[in-house]
């Protein structure tokens, strides 16, 4: 068990989900990474000033979701994500035309990001303080590295579905925030496939906002 500041660091999972339980639509591809209809899951957030500002975009609205987004971004020192969320397709990395993520040269994270993958790759340093470390030793290794890198701050679990399922099944998630979008996708990646227990995560807050309902779960 990790000691000191790292032992207090929480793993905080957040994701947008449809009414029928999908976090991505069917037929995902490099052209449509969220699948058919999947972009609708995030319509509530891309209009927010609190989301646009870290992405270098002007304008945006302020509503009931603003405090939720600001809370999500607060006190995060590292992020974990799966290979699908980082992108680049399955299989070994392409050395001749390397995939460096969806976010350009200056990603919005601005802290260390740990990518779960079966294929080794050297760390990737980006502008603005973001780095990507590719972890082949599994979810606990990624969490340990992320907690050390976070320096006492919390760790964000960003998804996608497969990475989230692994951490949920292992009982390693300390907080879970579901952004429930009022849409049906009818297929794609379902978040809770194979997850049979929430390991004492209980609903602690519900916030109704335009185009979304926020459901926050925390350990009892």
C-alpha atoms as a PDB file:
ATOM      1  CA  UNK A   1       0.000   0.000   0.000  1.00  0.00           C
ATOM      2  CA  UNK A   2       1.253   3.463  -0.903  1.00  0.00           C
ATOM      3  CA  UNK A   3       2.063   5.768   1.966  1.00  0.00           C
ATOM      4  CA  UNK A   4       1.910   9.500   2.637  1.00  0.00           C
ATOM      5  CA  UNK A   5       0.371  11.903   0.156  1.00  0.00           C
ATOM      6  CA  UNK A   6      -0.059   9.238  -2.523  1.00  0.00           C
ATOM      7  CA  UNK A   7      -2.259   7.160  -0.202  1.00  0.00           C
ATOM      8  CA  UNK A   8      -4.699  10.092   0.049  1.00  0.00           C
ATOM      9  CA  UNK A   9      -4.908  10.595  -3.709  1.00  0.00           C
ATOM     10  CA  UNK A  10      -8.345   9.691  -5.114  1.00  0.00           C
ATOM     11  CA  UNK A  11      -9.067   8.074  -8.457  1.00  0.00           C
ATOM     12  CA  UNK A  12     -11.899  10.163  -9.914  1.00  0.00           C
ATOM     13  CA  UNK A  13     -13.769   8.765 -12.912  1.00  0.00           C
ATOM     14  CA  UNK A  14     -15.966  10.954 -15.095  1.00  0.00           C
ATOM     15  CA  UNK A  15     -17.759  10.196 -18.358  1.00  0.00           C
ATOM     16  CA  UNK A  16     -20.794  11.136 -20.440  1.00  0.00           C
ATOM     17  CA  UNK A  17     -23.323   8.349 -20.923  1.00  0.00           C
ATOM     18  CA  UNK A  18     -26.561   7.868 -22.859  1.00  0.00           C
ATOM     19  CA  UNK A  19     -29.894   6.827 -21.371  1.00  0.00           C
ATOM     20  CA  UNK A  20     -29.309   3.308 -22.697  1.00  0.00           C
ATOM     21  CA  UNK A  21     -25.889   3.086 -21.072  1.00  0.00           C
ATOM     22  CA  UNK A  22     -23.484   3.764 -23.945  1.00  0.00           C
ATOM     23  CA  UNK A  23     -20.404   6.000 -23.781  1.00  0.00           C
ATOM     24  CA  UNK A  24     -19.734   5.738 -27.524  1.00  0.00           C
ATOM     25  CA  UNK A  25     -21.962   4.967 -30.466  1.00  0.00           C
ATOM     26  CA  UNK A  26     -21.687   2.111 -32.977  1.00  0.00           C
ATOM     27  CA  UNK A  27     -19.105   1.855 -35.782  1.00  0.00           C
ATOM     28  CA  UNK A  28     -16.232   3.721 -34.135  1.00  0.00           C
ATOM     29  CA  UNK A  29     -13.411   4.704 -36.490  1.00  0.00           C
ATOM     30  CA  UNK A  30     -10.607   7.232 -36.843  1.00  0.00           C
ATOM     31  CA  UNK A  31     -13.090   9.418 -38.699  1.00  0.00           C
ATOM     32  CA  UNK A  32     -15.778   8.966 -36.017  1.00  0.00           C
ATOM     33  CA  UNK A  33     -13.911   8.102 -32.791  1.00  0.00           C
ATOM     34  CA  UNK A  34     -17.110   8.310 -30.721  1.00  0.00           C
ATOM     35  CA  UNK A  35     -19.092   6.237 -33.211  1.00  0.00           C
ATOM     36  CA  UNK A  36     -22.300   7.145 -34.992  1.00  0.00           C
ATOM     37  CA  UNK A  37     -24.200   9.654 -32.861  1.00  0.00           C
ATOM     38  CA  UNK A  38     -21.571   9.654 -30.113  1.00  0.00           C
ATOM     39  CA  UNK A  39     -20.841  13.367 -30.426  1.00  0.00           C
ATOM     40  CA  UNK A  40     -24.309  14.020 -28.966  1.00  0.00           C
ATOM     41  CA  UNK A  41     -23.011  12.790 -25.603  1.00  0.00           C
ATOM     42  CA  UNK A  42     -20.842  15.882 -25.281  1.00  0.00           C
ATOM     43  CA  UNK A  43     -23.083  18.614 -26.654  1.00  0.00           C
ATOM     44  CA  UNK A  44     -23.743  19.808 -23.082  1.00  0.00           C
ATOM     45  CA  UNK A  45     -20.056  20.370 -22.338  1.00  0.00           C
ATOM     46  CA  UNK A  46     -18.533  21.810 -25.523  1.00  0.00           C
ATOM     47  CA  UNK A  47     -20.700  24.913 -25.163  1.00  0.00           C
ATOM     48  CA  UNK A  48     -19.493  25.616 -21.606  1.00  0.00           C
ATOM     49  CA  UNK A  49     -17.079  28.486 -20.977  1.00  0.00           C
ATOM     50  CA  UNK A  50     -15.468  26.316 -18.287  1.00  0.00           C
ATOM     51  CA  UNK A  51     -14.658  23.672 -20.931  1.00  0.00           C
ATOM     52  CA  UNK A  52     -13.751  26.028 -23.767  1.00  0.00           C
ATOM     53  CA  UNK A  53     -11.257  28.069 -21.747  1.00  0.00           C
ATOM     54  CA  UNK A  54      -8.787  25.182 -21.056  1.00  0.00           C
ATOM     55  CA  UNK A  55      -9.052  24.215 -24.729  1.00  0.00           C
ATOM     56  CA  UNK A  56      -7.971  27.696 -25.820  1.00  0.00           C
ATOM     57  CA  UNK A  57     -11.428  28.659 -27.118  1.00  0.00           C
ATOM     58  CA  UNK A  58     -13.263  31.908 -26.504  1.00  0.00           C
ATOM     59  CA  UNK A  59     -16.856  32.398 -25.413  1.00  0.00           C
ATOM     60  CA  UNK A  60     -19.199  29.821 -24.004  1.00  0.00           C
ATOM     61  CA  UNK A  61     -22.131  29.674 -21.635  1.00  0.00           C
ATOM     62  CA  UNK A  62     -22.375  29.561 -17.863  1.00  0.00           C
ATOM     63  CA  UNK A  63     -25.098  27.369 -16.367  1.00  0.00           C
ATOM     64  CA  UNK A  64     -25.684  24.650 -13.759  1.00  0.00           C
ATOM     65  CA  UNK A  65     -22.993  22.496 -15.386  1.00  0.00           C
ATOM     66  CA  UNK A  66     -20.284  25.132 -14.846  1.00  0.00           C
ATOM     67  CA  UNK A  67     -19.636  24.273 -11.197  1.00  0.00           C
ATOM     68  CA  UNK A  68     -19.622  20.566 -12.071  1.00  0.00           C
ATOM     69  CA  UNK A  69     -16.952  21.081 -14.726  1.00  0.00           C
ATOM     70  CA  UNK A  70     -14.862  23.342 -12.509  1.00  0.00           C
ATOM     71  CA  UNK A  71     -15.036  20.753  -9.729  1.00  0.00           C
ATOM     72  CA  UNK A  72     -13.920  18.019 -12.130  1.00  0.00           C
ATOM     73  CA  UNK A  73     -10.857  19.977 -13.199  1.00  0.00           C
ATOM     74  CA  UNK A  74      -9.858  21.036  -9.673  1.00  0.00           C
ATOM     75  CA  UNK A  75      -7.004  19.320  -7.822  1.00  0.00           C
ATOM     76  CA  UNK A  76      -6.176  16.873 -10.641  1.00  0.00           C
ATOM     77  CA  UNK A  77      -2.473  16.109 -10.961  1.00  0.00           C
ATOM     78  CA  UNK A  78      -2.504  13.261 -13.499  1.00  0.00           C
ATOM     79  CA  UNK A  79      -4.868  11.434 -15.859  1.00  0.00           C
ATOM     80  CA  UNK A  80      -5.284   7.787 -16.889  1.00  0.00           C
ATOM     81  CA  UNK A  81      -6.907   6.802 -20.169  1.00  0.00           C
ATOM     82  CA  UNK A  82      -7.230   3.742 -22.379  1.00  0.00           C
ATOM     83  CA  UNK A  83      -5.607   3.203 -25.764  1.00  0.00           C
ATOM     84  CA  UNK A  84      -8.902   3.776 -27.583  1.00  0.00           C
ATOM     85  CA  UNK A  85      -9.333   7.194 -26.006  1.00  0.00           C
ATOM     86  CA  UNK A  86      -5.783   8.203 -26.911  1.00  0.00           C
ATOM     87  CA  UNK A  87      -6.455   6.902 -30.414  1.00  0.00           C
ATOM     88  CA  UNK A  88      -4.295   5.751 -33.275  1.00  0.00           C
ATOM     89  CA  UNK A  89      -6.054   2.447 -33.901  1.00  0.00           C
ATOM     90  CA  UNK A  90      -5.357  -1.022 -32.465  1.00  0.00           C
ATOM     91  CA  UNK A  91      -2.111  -2.948 -32.700  1.00  0.00           C
ATOM     92  CA  UNK A  92       1.532  -1.802 -32.598  1.00  0.00           C
ATOM     93  CA  UNK A  93       2.329   1.877 -32.899  1.00  0.00           C
ATOM     94  CA  UNK A  94       3.256   3.238 -36.327  1.00  0.00           C
ATOM     95  CA  UNK A  95       6.881   4.398 -36.029  1.00  0.00           C
ATOM     96  CA  UNK A  96       6.928   6.093 -39.438  1.00  0.00           C
ATOM     97  CA  UNK A  97       3.776   8.143 -38.872  1.00  0.00           C
ATOM     98  CA  UNK A  98       3.305   8.206 -35.094  1.00  0.00           C
ATOM     99  CA  UNK A  99      -0.084   9.030 -33.606  1.00  0.00           C
ATOM    100  CA  UNK A 100       0.234  11.724 -30.942  1.00  0.00           C
ATOM    101  CA  UNK A 101      -3.368  11.992 -29.772  1.00  0.00           C
ATOM    102  CA  UNK A 102      -6.468  13.930 -30.785  1.00  0.00           C
ATOM    103  CA  UNK A 103      -5.500  17.212 -29.146  1.00  0.00           C
ATOM    104  CA  UNK A 104      -2.688  18.698 -31.248  1.00  0.00           C
ATOM    105  CA  UNK A 105       0.676  19.906 -29.961  1.00  0.00           C
ATOM    106  CA  UNK A 106      -0.753  21.591 -26.846  1.00  0.00           C
ATOM    107  CA  UNK A 107      -3.290  19.197 -25.239  1.00  0.00           C
ATOM    108  CA  UNK A 108      -5.644  20.578 -22.565  1.00  0.00           C
ATOM    109  CA  UNK A 109      -4.444  18.268 -19.751  1.00  0.00           C
ATOM    110  CA  UNK A 110      -1.268  20.190 -18.787  1.00  0.00           C
ATOM    111  CA  UNK A 111      -0.109  17.372 -16.517  1.00  0.00           C
ATOM    112  CA  UNK A 112       1.158  13.774 -16.923  1.00  0.00           C
ATOM    113  CA  UNK A 113      -1.194  11.368 -18.732  1.00  0.00           C
ATOM    114  CA  UNK A 114      -0.820   7.578 -18.527  1.00  0.00           C
ATOM    115  CA  UNK A 115      -2.147   5.531 -21.443  1.00  0.00           C
ATOM    116  CA  UNK A 116      -3.043   1.857 -20.972  1.00  0.00           C
ATOM    117  CA  UNK A 117      -1.772  -0.177 -23.921  1.00  0.00           C
ATOM    118  CA  UNK A 118      -0.434  -3.606 -24.855  1.00  0.00           C
ATOM    119  CA  UNK A 119       2.279  -2.081 -27.055  1.00  0.00           C
ATOM    120  CA  UNK A 120       5.365  -0.356 -25.650  1.00  0.00           C
ATOM    121  CA  UNK A 121       6.250   3.166 -26.735  1.00  0.00           C
ATOM    122  CA  UNK A 122       8.609   5.870 -25.513  1.00  0.00           C
ATOM    123  CA  UNK A 123       7.056   8.711 -23.490  1.00  0.00           C
ATOM    124  CA  UNK A 124       5.706  11.629 -25.505  1.00  0.00           C
ATOM    125  CA  UNK A 125       6.356  15.181 -24.337  1.00  0.00           C
ATOM    126  CA  UNK A 126       3.934  17.841 -25.553  1.00  0.00           C
ATOM    127  CA  UNK A 127       3.596  21.590 -25.179  1.00  0.00           C
ATOM    128  CA  UNK A 128       1.940  23.152 -22.143  1.00  0.00           C
ATOM    129  CA  UNK A 129       3.116  20.597 -19.586  1.00  0.00           C
ATOM    130  CA  UNK A 130       1.292  17.523 -20.941  1.00  0.00           C
ATOM    131  CA  UNK A 131       3.212  14.255 -21.230  1.00  0.00           C
ATOM    132  CA  UNK A 132       1.948  10.843 -22.335  1.00  0.00           C
ATOM    133  CA  UNK A 133       3.439   7.721 -20.738  1.00  0.00           C
ATOM    134  CA  UNK A 134       2.439   4.388 -22.262  1.00  0.00           C
ATOM    135  CA  UNK A 135       1.875   1.695 -19.638  1.00  0.00           C
ATOM    136  CA  UNK A 136       1.968  -1.989 -20.623  1.00  0.00           C
ATOM    137  CA  UNK A 137       1.967  -3.444 -17.086  1.00  0.00           C
ATOM    138  CA  UNK A 138      -1.759  -3.060 -16.375  1.00  0.00           C
ATOM    139  CA  UNK A 139      -4.154  -0.859 -14.439  1.00  0.00           C
ATOM    140  CA  UNK A 140      -2.494  -0.985 -11.004  1.00  0.00           C
ATOM    141  CA  UNK A 141       0.877  -0.024 -12.438  1.00  0.00           C
ATOM    142  CA  UNK A 142      -0.721   2.886 -14.289  1.00  0.00           C
ATOM    143  CA  UNK A 143      -2.490   4.038 -11.112  1.00  0.00           C
ATOM    144  CA  UNK A 144       0.694   3.828  -9.052  1.00  0.00           C
ATOM    145  CA  UNK A 145       2.649   5.836 -11.632  1.00  0.00           C
ATOM    146  CA  UNK A 146      -0.140   8.386 -11.926  1.00  0.00           C
ATOM    147  CA  UNK A 147      -0.371   8.875  -8.163  1.00  0.00           C
ATOM    148  CA  UNK A 148       3.375   9.434  -7.892  1.00  0.00           C
ATOM    149  CA  UNK A 149       3.275  11.909 -10.767  1.00  0.00           C
ATOM    150  CA  UNK A 150       0.263  13.716  -9.264  1.00  0.00           C
ATOM    151  CA  UNK A 151       2.276  14.647  -6.176  1.00  0.00           C
ATOM    152  CA  UNK A 152      -0.588  14.338  -3.714  1.00  0.00           C
ATOM    153  CA  UNK A 153      -3.304  15.637  -6.033  1.00  0.00           C
ATOM    154  CA  UNK A 154      -6.064  13.375  -7.349  1.00  0.00           C
ATOM    155  CA  UNK A 155      -5.939  11.244 -10.496  1.00  0.00           C
ATOM    156  CA  UNK A 156      -8.587  11.508 -13.214  1.00  0.00           C
ATOM    157  CA  UNK A 157      -9.796   8.377 -14.996  1.00  0.00           C
ATOM    158  CA  UNK A 158     -10.939   9.637 -18.376  1.00  0.00           C
ATOM    159  CA  UNK A 159     -12.145   6.449 -20.099  1.00  0.00           C
ATOM    160  CA  UNK A 160     -12.962   4.882 -22.482  1.00  0.00           C
ATOM    161  CA  UNK A 161     -15.311   2.070 -21.573  1.00  0.00           C
ATOM    162  CA  UNK A 162     -12.786  -0.778 -21.407  1.00  0.00           C
ATOM    163  CA  UNK A 163     -10.357   1.112 -19.167  1.00  0.00           C
ATOM    164  CA  UNK A 164     -13.210   2.230 -16.912  1.00  0.00           C
ATOM    165  CA  UNK A 165     -14.571  -1.311 -16.633  1.00  0.00           C
ATOM    166  CA  UNK A 166     -11.206  -2.613 -15.493  1.00  0.00           C
ATOM    167  CA  UNK A 167     -10.897  -0.048 -12.708  1.00  0.00           C
ATOM    168  CA  UNK A 168     -14.536  -0.410 -11.649  1.00  0.00           C
ATOM    169  CA  UNK A 169     -14.297  -4.206 -11.472  1.00  0.00           C
ATOM    170  CA  UNK A 170     -11.140  -3.931  -9.377  1.00  0.00           C
ATOM    171  CA  UNK A 171     -12.836  -1.552  -6.916  1.00  0.00           C
ATOM    172  CA  UNK A 172     -10.192   1.123  -7.456  1.00  0.00           C
ATOM    173  CA  UNK A 173     -12.506   4.037  -8.299  1.00  0.00           C
ATOM    174  CA  UNK A 174     -13.043   6.465  -5.383  1.00  0.00           C
ATOM    175  CA  UNK A 175     -15.442   8.860  -7.127  1.00  0.00           C
ATOM    176  CA  UNK A 176     -17.569   8.472 -10.244  1.00  0.00           C
ATOM    177  CA  UNK A 177     -19.374  11.256 -12.061  1.00  0.00           C
ATOM    178  CA  UNK A 178     -21.833  10.220 -14.771  1.00  0.00           C
ATOM    179  CA  UNK A 179     -23.055  12.933 -17.135  1.00  0.00           C
ATOM    180  CA  UNK A 180     -26.371  11.480 -18.280  1.00  0.00           C
ATOM    181  CA  UNK A 181     -27.315  12.809 -21.716  1.00  0.00           C
ATOM    182  CA  UNK A 182     -31.005  12.504 -22.698  1.00  0.00           C
ATOM    183  CA  UNK A 183     -30.326  10.505 -25.864  1.00  0.00           C
ATOM    184  CA  UNK A 184     -30.462   6.891 -27.037  1.00  0.00           C
ATOM    185  CA  UNK A 185     -27.566   5.496 -29.083  1.00  0.00           C
ATOM    186  CA  UNK A 186     -28.905   1.967 -29.570  1.00  0.00           C
ATOM    187  CA  UNK A 187     -25.462   0.391 -29.720  1.00  0.00           C
ATOM    188  CA  UNK A 188     -21.753   0.974 -29.308  1.00  0.00           C
ATOM    189  CA  UNK A 189     -19.672   0.726 -26.146  1.00  0.00           C
ATOM    190  CA  UNK A 190     -21.763   0.101 -23.047  1.00  0.00           C
ATOM    191  CA  UNK A 191     -20.101   1.321 -19.855  1.00  0.00           C
ATOM    192  CA  UNK A 192     -21.200  -1.286 -17.337  1.00  0.00           C
ATOM    193  CA  UNK A 193     -20.836  -4.494 -19.371  1.00  0.00           C
ATOM    194  CA  UNK A 194     -19.302  -7.068 -17.014  1.00  0.00           C
ATOM    195  CA  UNK A 195     -19.464  -4.711 -14.014  1.00  0.00           C
ATOM    196  CA  UNK A 196     -21.612  -6.394 -11.363  1.00  0.00           C
ATOM    197  CA  UNK A 197     -20.932  -4.229  -8.301  1.00  0.00           C
ATOM    198  CA  UNK A 198     -20.022  -0.612  -7.580  1.00  0.00           C
ATOM    199  CA  UNK A 199     -17.801  -1.608  -4.617  1.00  0.00           C
ATOM    200  CA  UNK A 200     -19.532   0.712  -2.102  1.00  0.00           C
ATOM    201  CA  UNK A 201     -19.800   3.676  -4.480  1.00  0.00           C
ATOM    202  CA  UNK A 202     -23.069   5.399  -3.585  1.00  0.00           C
ATOM    203  CA  UNK A 203     -24.992   8.291  -5.136  1.00  0.00           C
ATOM    204  CA  UNK A 204     -24.174  11.477  -3.209  1.00  0.00           C
ATOM    205  CA  UNK A 205     -25.304  14.304  -5.515  1.00  0.00           C
ATOM    206  CA  UNK A 206     -27.666  14.883  -8.451  1.00  0.00           C
ATOM    207  CA  UNK A 207     -27.638  18.094 -10.480  1.00  0.00           C
ATOM    208  CA  UNK A 208     -30.099  18.803 -13.281  1.00  0.00           C
ATOM    209  CA  UNK A 209     -28.683  21.055 -16.000  1.00  0.00           C
ATOM    210  CA  UNK A 210     -29.512  21.959 -19.614  1.00  0.00           C
ATOM    211  CA  UNK A 211     -29.163  18.857 -21.835  1.00  0.00           C
ATOM    212  CA  UNK A 212     -27.630  16.722 -19.048  1.00  0.00           C
ATOM    213  CA  UNK A 213     -28.100  15.354 -15.539  1.00  0.00           C
ATOM    214  CA  UNK A 214     -24.990  14.943 -13.383  1.00  0.00           C
ATOM    215  CA  UNK A 215     -24.862  11.949 -11.038  1.00  0.00           C
ATOM    216  CA  UNK A 216     -21.979  11.896  -8.550  1.00  0.00           C
ATOM    217  CA  UNK A 217     -21.028   8.725  -6.689  1.00  0.00           C
ATOM    218  CA  UNK A 218     -18.488   8.418  -3.866  1.00  0.00           C
ATOM    219  CA  UNK A 219     -17.359   5.734  -1.458  1.00  0.00           C
ATOM    220  CA  UNK A 220     -19.542   5.418   1.643  1.00  0.00           C
END
